[in-house]
Amino acid sequence: MRVALHRLGRVAASLRHGVWNDPDAEVEVFSLDQLTQVVASSGQEPIYGWEFLDVPSEKSFDAWADRLSLDQRWEPEGLSHTLDLFQESPRHLDLRFWFDELYTYSPEREEIPFGAFTAAGRRWWDAFHQLDPRAAGHGMAPLRSDATDA
């Protein structure tokens, strides 16, 4: 699956050496041309989005906006929408992209209509939560119903 963002207006990232909510985690600064290397250096851990399209800043970006590793801007265009992603390993990477248009493509580089793309994502997450074996083996597991916060 490939995602292409058109008219990119800004890219912000926060690479912190610690867990996502550690206010004292060291922030590592890097440049935009190092972003691919930073993502790959986590041992190929996947990049996720929980709520990821047009999430209000106060629910995501504001939590790490004061600890930026990267803040590249091409404004004033490219600010209609946002895409928020994160990657966890021994360190934590938060990413936010501002853009005007989003396109999705199959591995064969055929464009997938956005509605079909989001419906497929919903089906996968529904299967994951229903413990469908086809959605297993991605380094994640649903919370057990008897799990408690420690």
N, C-alpha and C. Protein backbone atom coordinates (compact mmCIF):
# COMPACT_ATOMS: atom_id res chain seq x y z
N MET A 1 0.84 -1.17 0.00
CA MET A 1 0.00 0.00 0.00
C MET A 1 0.89 1.24 0.00
N ARG A 2 0.56 2.19 -0.80
CA ARG A 2 1.27 3.46 -0.87
C ARG A 2 0.29 4.61 -0.68
N VAL A 3 0.77 5.62 0.00
CA VAL A 3 -0.02 6.83 0.20
C VAL A 3 0.81 7.99 -0.34
N ALA A 4 0.18 8.84 -1.13
CA ALA A 4 0.86 10.03 -1.66
C ALA A 4 0.11 11.26 -1.20
N LEU A 5 0.85 12.23 -0.67
CA LEU A 5 0.27 13.50 -0.22
C LEU A 5 0.66 14.56 -1.24
N HIS A 6 -0.34 15.28 -1.73
CA HIS A 6 -0.09 16.30 -2.76
C HIS A 6 -0.21 17.69 -2.15
N ARG A 7 0.64 18.58 -2.60
CA ARG A 7 0.78 19.94 -2.06
C ARG A 7 1.04 19.86 -0.56
N LEU A 8 2.19 19.34 -0.24
CA LEU A 8 2.63 19.25 1.15
C LEU A 8 2.97 20.64 1.64
N GLY A 9 2.40 21.01 2.79
CA GLY A 9 2.63 22.35 3.34
C GLY A 9 3.58 22.37 4.51
N ARG A 10 3.66 21.24 5.23
CA ARG A 10 4.52 21.21 6.40
C ARG A 10 4.71 19.75 6.84
N VAL A 11 5.88 19.46 7.39
CA VAL A 11 6.17 18.17 8.01
C VAL A 11 6.81 18.48 9.36
N ALA A 12 6.25 17.90 10.42
CA ALA A 12 6.82 18.03 11.76
C ALA A 12 7.02 16.64 12.34
N ALA A 13 8.10 16.49 13.09
CA ALA A 13 8.40 15.20 13.71
C ALA A 13 9.03 15.43 15.07
N SER A 14 8.83 14.47 15.96
CA SER A 14 9.47 14.47 17.27
C SER A 14 10.00 13.07 17.54
N LEU A 15 11.33 12.94 17.55
CA LEU A 15 11.98 11.67 17.85
C LEU A 15 12.52 11.77 19.27
N ARG A 16 11.90 10.99 20.18
CA ARG A 16 12.26 11.06 21.59
C ARG A 16 12.81 9.72 22.05
N HIS A 17 13.88 9.77 22.81
CA HIS A 17 14.51 8.56 23.34
C HIS A 17 13.85 8.21 24.67
N GLY A 18 12.70 7.57 24.56
CA GLY A 18 11.90 7.18 25.71
C GLY A 18 10.51 6.81 25.24
N VAL A 19 9.63 6.53 26.17
CA VAL A 19 8.24 6.20 25.84
C VAL A 19 7.49 7.47 25.47
N TRP A 20 6.35 7.31 24.84
CA TRP A 20 5.61 8.42 24.26
C TRP A 20 5.26 9.53 25.25
N ASN A 21 5.03 9.17 26.50
CA ASN A 21 4.57 10.18 27.47
C ASN A 21 5.65 10.60 28.47
N ASP A 22 6.91 10.32 28.17
CA ASP A 22 8.01 10.72 29.05
C ASP A 22 8.38 12.17 28.77
N PRO A 23 8.05 13.09 29.67
CA PRO A 23 8.33 14.52 29.42
C PRO A 23 9.82 14.84 29.45
N ASP A 24 10.63 13.94 29.99
CA ASP A 24 12.07 14.18 30.09
C ASP A 24 12.88 13.44 29.02
N ALA A 25 12.20 12.75 28.11
CA ALA A 25 12.92 12.01 27.07
C ALA A 25 13.71 12.96 26.19
N GLU A 26 14.95 12.58 25.91
CA GLU A 26 15.82 13.38 25.05
C GLU A 26 15.25 13.44 23.64
N VAL A 27 15.25 14.63 23.03
CA VAL A 27 14.77 14.82 21.67
C VAL A 27 15.98 14.83 20.73
N GLU A 28 15.89 14.03 19.66
CA GLU A 28 16.96 13.97 18.66
C GLU A 28 16.54 14.78 17.44
N VAL A 29 17.34 15.76 17.07
CA VAL A 29 17.06 16.61 15.90
C VAL A 29 17.59 15.91 14.65
N PHE A 30 16.82 16.00 13.56
CA PHE A 30 17.26 15.47 12.26
C PHE A 30 16.63 16.30 11.15
N SER A 31 17.14 16.16 9.94
CA SER A 31 16.65 16.92 8.80
C SER A 31 15.64 16.10 7.99
N LEU A 32 14.92 16.76 7.12
CA LEU A 32 13.92 16.08 6.31
C LEU A 32 14.55 14.97 5.46
N ASP A 33 15.73 15.20 4.91
CA ASP A 33 16.35 14.17 4.08
C ASP A 33 16.83 12.97 4.91
N GLN A 34 16.77 13.05 6.22
CA GLN A 34 17.12 11.92 7.10
C GLN A 34 15.88 11.16 7.59
N LEU A 35 14.68 11.63 7.25
CA LEU A 35 13.46 11.02 7.78
C LEU A 35 13.35 9.53 7.43
N THR A 36 13.60 9.16 6.20
CA THR A 36 13.53 7.74 5.81
C THR A 36 14.51 6.91 6.63
N GLN A 37 15.70 7.41 6.82
CA GLN A 37 16.72 6.71 7.61
C GLN A 37 16.29 6.59 9.07
N VAL A 38 15.69 7.63 9.62
CA VAL A 38 15.21 7.60 11.02
C VAL A 38 14.14 6.52 11.17
N VAL A 39 13.19 6.47 10.24
CA VAL A 39 12.13 5.46 10.30
C VAL A 39 12.72 4.06 10.19
N ALA A 40 13.63 3.86 9.26
CA ALA A 40 14.24 2.53 9.05
C ALA A 40 15.13 2.11 10.21
N SER A 41 15.71 3.06 10.92
CA SER A 41 16.67 2.73 11.98
C SER A 41 16.01 2.14 13.22
N SER A 42 14.71 2.06 13.25
CA SER A 42 14.03 1.47 14.40
C SER A 42 13.93 -0.04 14.29
N GLY A 43 14.65 -0.63 13.35
CA GLY A 43 14.56 -2.07 13.16
C GLY A 43 13.35 -2.45 12.33
N GLN A 44 12.91 -1.54 11.48
CA GLN A 44 11.76 -1.76 10.59
C GLN A 44 10.45 -1.93 11.35
N GLU A 45 10.34 -1.32 12.53
CA GLU A 45 9.07 -1.32 13.24
C GLU A 45 8.03 -0.59 12.38
N PRO A 46 6.78 -1.04 12.40
CA PRO A 46 5.76 -0.38 11.59
C PRO A 46 5.43 1.02 12.10
N ILE A 47 4.87 1.81 11.21
CA ILE A 47 4.35 3.13 11.57
C ILE A 47 2.84 3.01 11.61
N TYR A 48 2.26 3.53 12.68
CA TYR A 48 0.82 3.41 12.90
C TYR A 48 0.15 4.77 12.90
N GLY A 49 -1.15 4.72 12.78
CA GLY A 49 -1.99 5.86 13.05
C GLY A 49 -3.16 5.36 13.87
N TRP A 50 -3.49 6.06 14.92
CA TRP A 50 -4.65 5.66 15.73
C TRP A 50 -5.83 6.45 15.18
N GLU A 51 -5.94 7.67 15.57
CA GLU A 51 -6.77 8.62 14.86
C GLU A 51 -5.75 9.37 14.02
N PHE A 52 -5.89 9.37 12.71
CA PHE A 52 -4.77 9.89 11.94
C PHE A 52 -5.10 10.94 10.89
N LEU A 53 -6.32 11.08 10.46
CA LEU A 53 -6.65 12.12 9.48
C LEU A 53 -7.39 13.27 10.14
N ASP A 54 -6.87 14.46 9.94
CA ASP A 54 -7.51 15.69 10.43
C ASP A 54 -7.84 15.65 11.91
N VAL A 55 -6.93 15.13 12.70
CA VAL A 55 -7.09 15.08 14.15
C VAL A 55 -6.85 16.49 14.69
N PRO A 56 -7.75 17.00 15.54
CA PRO A 56 -7.51 18.33 16.11
C PRO A 56 -6.17 18.37 16.84
N SER A 57 -5.46 19.47 16.70
CA SER A 57 -4.12 19.60 17.30
C SER A 57 -4.12 19.28 18.78
N GLU A 58 -5.14 19.69 19.50
CA GLU A 58 -5.16 19.47 20.95
C GLU A 58 -5.25 17.98 21.31
N LYS A 59 -5.66 17.12 20.38
CA LYS A 59 -5.75 15.68 20.66
C LYS A 59 -4.47 14.94 20.26
N SER A 60 -3.55 15.60 19.60
CA SER A 60 -2.36 14.90 19.12
C SER A 60 -1.14 15.82 19.11
N PHE A 61 -1.06 16.68 18.13
CA PHE A 61 0.14 17.48 17.88
C PHE A 61 0.55 18.34 19.06
N ASP A 62 -0.38 18.93 19.75
CA ASP A 62 -0.04 19.83 20.87
C ASP A 62 0.75 19.11 21.97
N ALA A 63 0.59 17.79 22.08
CA ALA A 63 1.28 17.03 23.13
C ALA A 63 2.79 16.95 22.90
N TRP A 64 3.23 17.14 21.66
CA TRP A 64 4.66 17.04 21.38
C TRP A 64 5.21 18.20 20.55
N ALA A 65 4.38 19.18 20.25
CA ALA A 65 4.78 20.31 19.40
C ALA A 65 5.91 21.14 19.99
N ASP A 66 6.10 21.06 21.30
CA ASP A 66 7.19 21.84 21.93
C ASP A 66 8.50 21.05 21.98
N ARG A 67 8.50 19.84 21.37
CA ARG A 67 9.71 18.99 21.37
C ARG A 67 9.99 18.48 19.96
N LEU A 68 10.15 19.40 19.01
CA LEU A 68 10.30 19.02 17.61
C LEU A 68 11.74 18.65 17.26
N SER A 69 11.85 17.59 16.49
CA SER A 69 13.11 17.17 15.90
C SER A 69 13.26 17.77 14.51
N LEU A 70 12.13 18.00 13.87
CA LEU A 70 12.07 18.45 12.49
C LEU A 70 10.83 19.32 12.33
N ASP A 71 10.94 20.43 11.63
CA ASP A 71 9.79 21.27 11.31
C ASP A 71 10.08 21.96 9.98
N GLN A 72 9.67 21.29 8.89
CA GLN A 72 9.91 21.79 7.52
C GLN A 72 8.60 22.37 6.99
N ARG A 73 8.66 23.61 6.47
CA ARG A 73 7.44 24.30 6.01
C ARG A 73 7.58 24.78 4.57
N TRP A 74 6.45 24.63 3.83
CA TRP A 74 6.35 25.15 2.47
C TRP A 74 5.07 25.97 2.33
N GLU A 75 4.54 26.47 3.40
CA GLU A 75 3.28 27.21 3.42
C GLU A 75 3.36 28.38 2.44
N PRO A 76 2.25 28.93 1.99
CA PRO A 76 0.90 28.87 2.57
C PRO A 76 0.02 27.75 2.04
N GLU A 77 0.35 27.11 0.90
CA GLU A 77 -0.47 25.99 0.42
C GLU A 77 -0.18 24.75 1.23
N GLY A 78 -1.03 23.74 1.05
CA GLY A 78 -0.78 22.45 1.65
C GLY A 78 -1.18 22.35 3.11
N LEU A 79 -2.16 23.11 3.54
CA LEU A 79 -2.55 23.07 4.95
C LEU A 79 -4.00 22.65 5.18
N SER A 80 -4.65 22.10 4.15
CA SER A 80 -6.08 21.75 4.25
C SER A 80 -6.34 20.57 5.18
N HIS A 81 -5.41 19.62 5.22
CA HIS A 81 -5.60 18.38 5.99
C HIS A 81 -4.33 18.02 6.73
N THR A 82 -4.47 17.10 7.70
CA THR A 82 -3.30 16.58 8.41
C THR A 82 -3.36 15.06 8.46
N LEU A 83 -2.18 14.47 8.55
CA LEU A 83 -2.00 13.03 8.73
C LEU A 83 -1.04 12.85 9.90
N ASP A 84 -1.49 12.16 10.95
CA ASP A 84 -0.68 11.92 12.14
C ASP A 84 -0.32 10.44 12.23
N LEU A 85 0.97 10.16 12.40
CA LEU A 85 1.47 8.79 12.51
C LEU A 85 2.46 8.72 13.67
N PHE A 86 2.73 7.49 14.13
CA PHE A 86 3.74 7.31 15.17
C PHE A 86 4.41 5.96 15.00
N GLN A 87 5.59 5.83 15.60
CA GLN A 87 6.36 4.60 15.57
C GLN A 87 6.96 4.40 16.96
N GLU A 88 6.77 3.20 17.49
CA GLU A 88 7.32 2.88 18.81
C GLU A 88 8.39 1.82 18.69
N SER A 89 9.44 2.01 19.39
CA SER A 89 10.53 1.05 19.53
C SER A 89 11.15 1.41 20.88
N PRO A 90 12.42 1.21 21.10
CA PRO A 90 12.97 1.74 22.35
C PRO A 90 12.84 3.26 22.43
N ARG A 91 12.54 3.88 21.32
CA ARG A 91 12.31 5.33 21.28
C ARG A 91 10.93 5.56 20.66
N HIS A 92 10.51 6.81 20.60
CA HIS A 92 9.18 7.12 20.08
C HIS A 92 9.29 8.22 19.02
N LEU A 93 8.65 7.99 17.87
CA LEU A 93 8.63 8.96 16.78
C LEU A 93 7.19 9.37 16.51
N ASP A 94 6.90 10.66 16.61
CA ASP A 94 5.61 11.21 16.20
C ASP A 94 5.83 11.99 14.93
N LEU A 95 4.85 11.89 14.01
CA LEU A 95 4.92 12.60 12.74
C LEU A 95 3.59 13.27 12.45
N ARG A 96 3.65 14.46 11.88
CA ARG A 96 2.44 15.11 11.37
C ARG A 96 2.79 15.73 10.03
N PHE A 97 1.93 15.44 9.05
CA PHE A 97 2.05 16.00 7.70
C PHE A 97 0.83 16.86 7.43
N TRP A 98 1.04 18.06 6.90
CA TRP A 98 -0.04 18.93 6.45
C TRP A 98 -0.05 18.85 4.93
N PHE A 99 -1.23 18.72 4.32
CA PHE A 99 -1.33 18.52 2.87
C PHE A 99 -2.70 18.95 2.37
N ASP A 100 -2.86 18.99 1.05
CA ASP A 100 -4.15 19.33 0.45
C ASP A 100 -4.90 18.12 -0.11
N GLU A 101 -4.18 17.15 -0.68
CA GLU A 101 -4.83 15.99 -1.30
C GLU A 101 -4.09 14.71 -0.93
N LEU A 102 -4.85 13.61 -0.75
CA LEU A 102 -4.28 12.32 -0.41
C LEU A 102 -4.71 11.30 -1.46
N TYR A 103 -3.75 10.52 -1.95
CA TYR A 103 -4.02 9.47 -2.93
C TYR A 103 -3.50 8.16 -2.36
N THR A 104 -4.22 7.07 -2.63
CA THR A 104 -3.80 5.75 -2.17
C THR A 104 -3.61 4.83 -3.38
N TYR A 105 -2.59 3.95 -3.29
CA TYR A 105 -2.23 3.08 -4.39
C TYR A 105 -1.99 1.66 -3.90
N SER A 106 -2.28 0.71 -4.75
CA SER A 106 -1.99 -0.70 -4.48
C SER A 106 -0.50 -0.93 -4.64
N PRO A 107 0.00 -2.10 -4.19
CA PRO A 107 1.41 -2.42 -4.41
C PRO A 107 1.79 -2.43 -5.90
N GLU A 108 0.79 -2.63 -6.77
CA GLU A 108 1.02 -2.61 -8.22
C GLU A 108 0.92 -1.19 -8.79
N ARG A 109 0.80 -0.19 -7.88
CA ARG A 109 0.74 1.23 -8.23
C ARG A 109 -0.53 1.63 -8.96
N GLU A 110 -1.62 0.89 -8.70
CA GLU A 110 -2.92 1.25 -9.23
C GLU A 110 -3.63 2.08 -8.17
N GLU A 111 -4.22 3.20 -8.59
CA GLU A 111 -4.89 4.06 -7.61
C GLU A 111 -6.11 3.36 -7.02
N ILE A 112 -6.27 3.49 -5.72
CA ILE A 112 -7.40 2.92 -5.00
C ILE A 112 -8.29 4.09 -4.57
N PRO A 113 -9.57 4.06 -4.89
CA PRO A 113 -10.45 5.14 -4.41
C PRO A 113 -10.39 5.24 -2.89
N PHE A 114 -10.41 6.46 -2.38
CA PHE A 114 -10.23 6.67 -0.95
C PHE A 114 -11.27 5.91 -0.12
N GLY A 115 -12.51 5.87 -0.55
CA GLY A 115 -13.55 5.13 0.18
C GLY A 115 -13.24 3.65 0.28
N ALA A 116 -12.72 3.07 -0.79
CA ALA A 116 -12.34 1.65 -0.77
C ALA A 116 -11.16 1.42 0.17
N PHE A 117 -10.22 2.36 0.17
CA PHE A 117 -9.06 2.28 1.05
C PHE A 117 -9.48 2.30 2.53
N THR A 118 -10.34 3.24 2.89
CA THR A 118 -10.76 3.34 4.29
C THR A 118 -11.64 2.15 4.69
N ALA A 119 -12.47 1.66 3.77
CA ALA A 119 -13.30 0.48 4.07
C ALA A 119 -12.42 -0.75 4.32
N ALA A 120 -11.36 -0.91 3.54
CA ALA A 120 -10.44 -2.03 3.76
C ALA A 120 -9.75 -1.92 5.11
N GLY A 121 -9.36 -0.71 5.48
CA GLY A 121 -8.75 -0.50 6.79
C GLY A 121 -9.70 -0.85 7.92
N ARG A 122 -10.95 -0.43 7.78
CA ARG A 122 -11.94 -0.75 8.81
C ARG A 122 -12.15 -2.27 8.91
N ARG A 123 -12.22 -2.95 7.77
CA ARG A 123 -12.38 -4.42 7.79
C ARG A 123 -11.21 -5.08 8.50
N TRP A 124 -9.98 -4.60 8.25
CA TRP A 124 -8.81 -5.20 8.90
C TRP A 124 -8.89 -5.01 10.40
N TRP A 125 -9.18 -3.79 10.86
CA TRP A 125 -9.26 -3.54 12.31
C TRP A 125 -10.39 -4.32 12.95
N ASP A 126 -11.53 -4.45 12.27
CA ASP A 126 -12.62 -5.27 12.80
C ASP A 126 -12.17 -6.72 12.94
N ALA A 127 -11.47 -7.24 11.93
CA ALA A 127 -10.96 -8.62 12.00
C ALA A 127 -9.94 -8.75 13.13
N PHE A 128 -9.09 -7.77 13.28
CA PHE A 128 -8.09 -7.78 14.35
C PHE A 128 -8.76 -7.88 15.71
N HIS A 129 -9.77 -7.07 15.95
CA HIS A 129 -10.46 -7.08 17.24
C HIS A 129 -11.30 -8.34 17.45
N GLN A 130 -11.67 -9.00 16.36
CA GLN A 130 -12.41 -10.27 16.46
C GLN A 130 -11.47 -11.47 16.50
N LEU A 131 -10.16 -11.21 16.62
CA LEU A 131 -9.12 -12.25 16.69
C LEU A 131 -9.07 -13.13 15.45
N ASP A 132 -9.41 -12.58 14.30
CA ASP A 132 -9.31 -13.29 13.03
C ASP A 132 -7.83 -13.58 12.78
N PRO A 133 -7.45 -14.83 12.55
CA PRO A 133 -6.02 -15.16 12.37
C PRO A 133 -5.39 -14.45 11.17
N ARG A 134 -6.18 -14.03 10.20
CA ARG A 134 -5.62 -13.31 9.04
C ARG A 134 -5.09 -11.94 9.43
N ALA A 135 -5.51 -11.42 10.58
CA ALA A 135 -5.04 -10.11 11.04
C ALA A 135 -4.02 -10.23 12.17
N ALA A 136 -3.54 -11.44 12.42
CA ALA A 136 -2.57 -11.66 13.50
C ALA A 136 -1.14 -11.56 12.95
N GLY A 137 -0.19 -11.50 13.87
CA GLY A 137 1.21 -11.55 13.49
C GLY A 137 1.81 -10.22 13.06
N HIS A 138 1.25 -9.12 13.51
CA HIS A 138 1.76 -7.81 13.16
C HIS A 138 2.38 -7.10 14.36
N GLY A 139 2.74 -7.86 15.39
CA GLY A 139 3.36 -7.27 16.57
C GLY A 139 2.39 -6.57 17.47
N MET A 140 1.10 -6.79 17.27
CA MET A 140 0.07 -6.16 18.09
C MET A 140 -0.90 -7.23 18.56
N ALA A 141 -1.58 -6.95 19.65
CA ALA A 141 -2.61 -7.84 20.14
C ALA A 141 -3.70 -6.99 20.79
N PRO A 142 -4.96 -7.35 20.60
CA PRO A 142 -6.02 -6.60 21.27
C PRO A 142 -5.91 -6.75 22.78
N LEU A 143 -6.37 -5.74 23.51
CA LEU A 143 -6.38 -5.83 24.97
C LEU A 143 -7.33 -6.95 25.39
N ARG A 144 -6.91 -7.71 26.37
CA ARG A 144 -7.78 -8.73 26.92
C ARG A 144 -8.89 -8.05 27.71
N SER A 145 -10.05 -8.67 27.74
CA SER A 145 -11.18 -8.10 28.48
C SER A 145 -10.90 -8.07 29.97
N ASP A 146 -10.00 -8.94 30.47
CA ASP A 146 -9.71 -8.97 31.90
C ASP A 146 -8.46 -8.16 32.24
N ALA A 147 -7.89 -7.44 31.26
CA ALA A 147 -6.67 -6.66 31.51
C ALA A 147 -6.98 -5.45 32.37
N THR A 148 -6.05 -5.11 33.22
CA THR A 148 -6.21 -3.93 34.06
C THR A 148 -4.97 -3.07 33.91
N ASP A 149 -5.12 -1.80 34.17
CA ASP A 149 -3.97 -0.89 34.14
C ASP A 149 -3.11 -1.13 35.35
N ALA A 150 -1.81 -1.25 35.14
CA ALA A 150 -0.90 -1.47 36.27
C ALA A 150 -0.49 -0.17 36.90
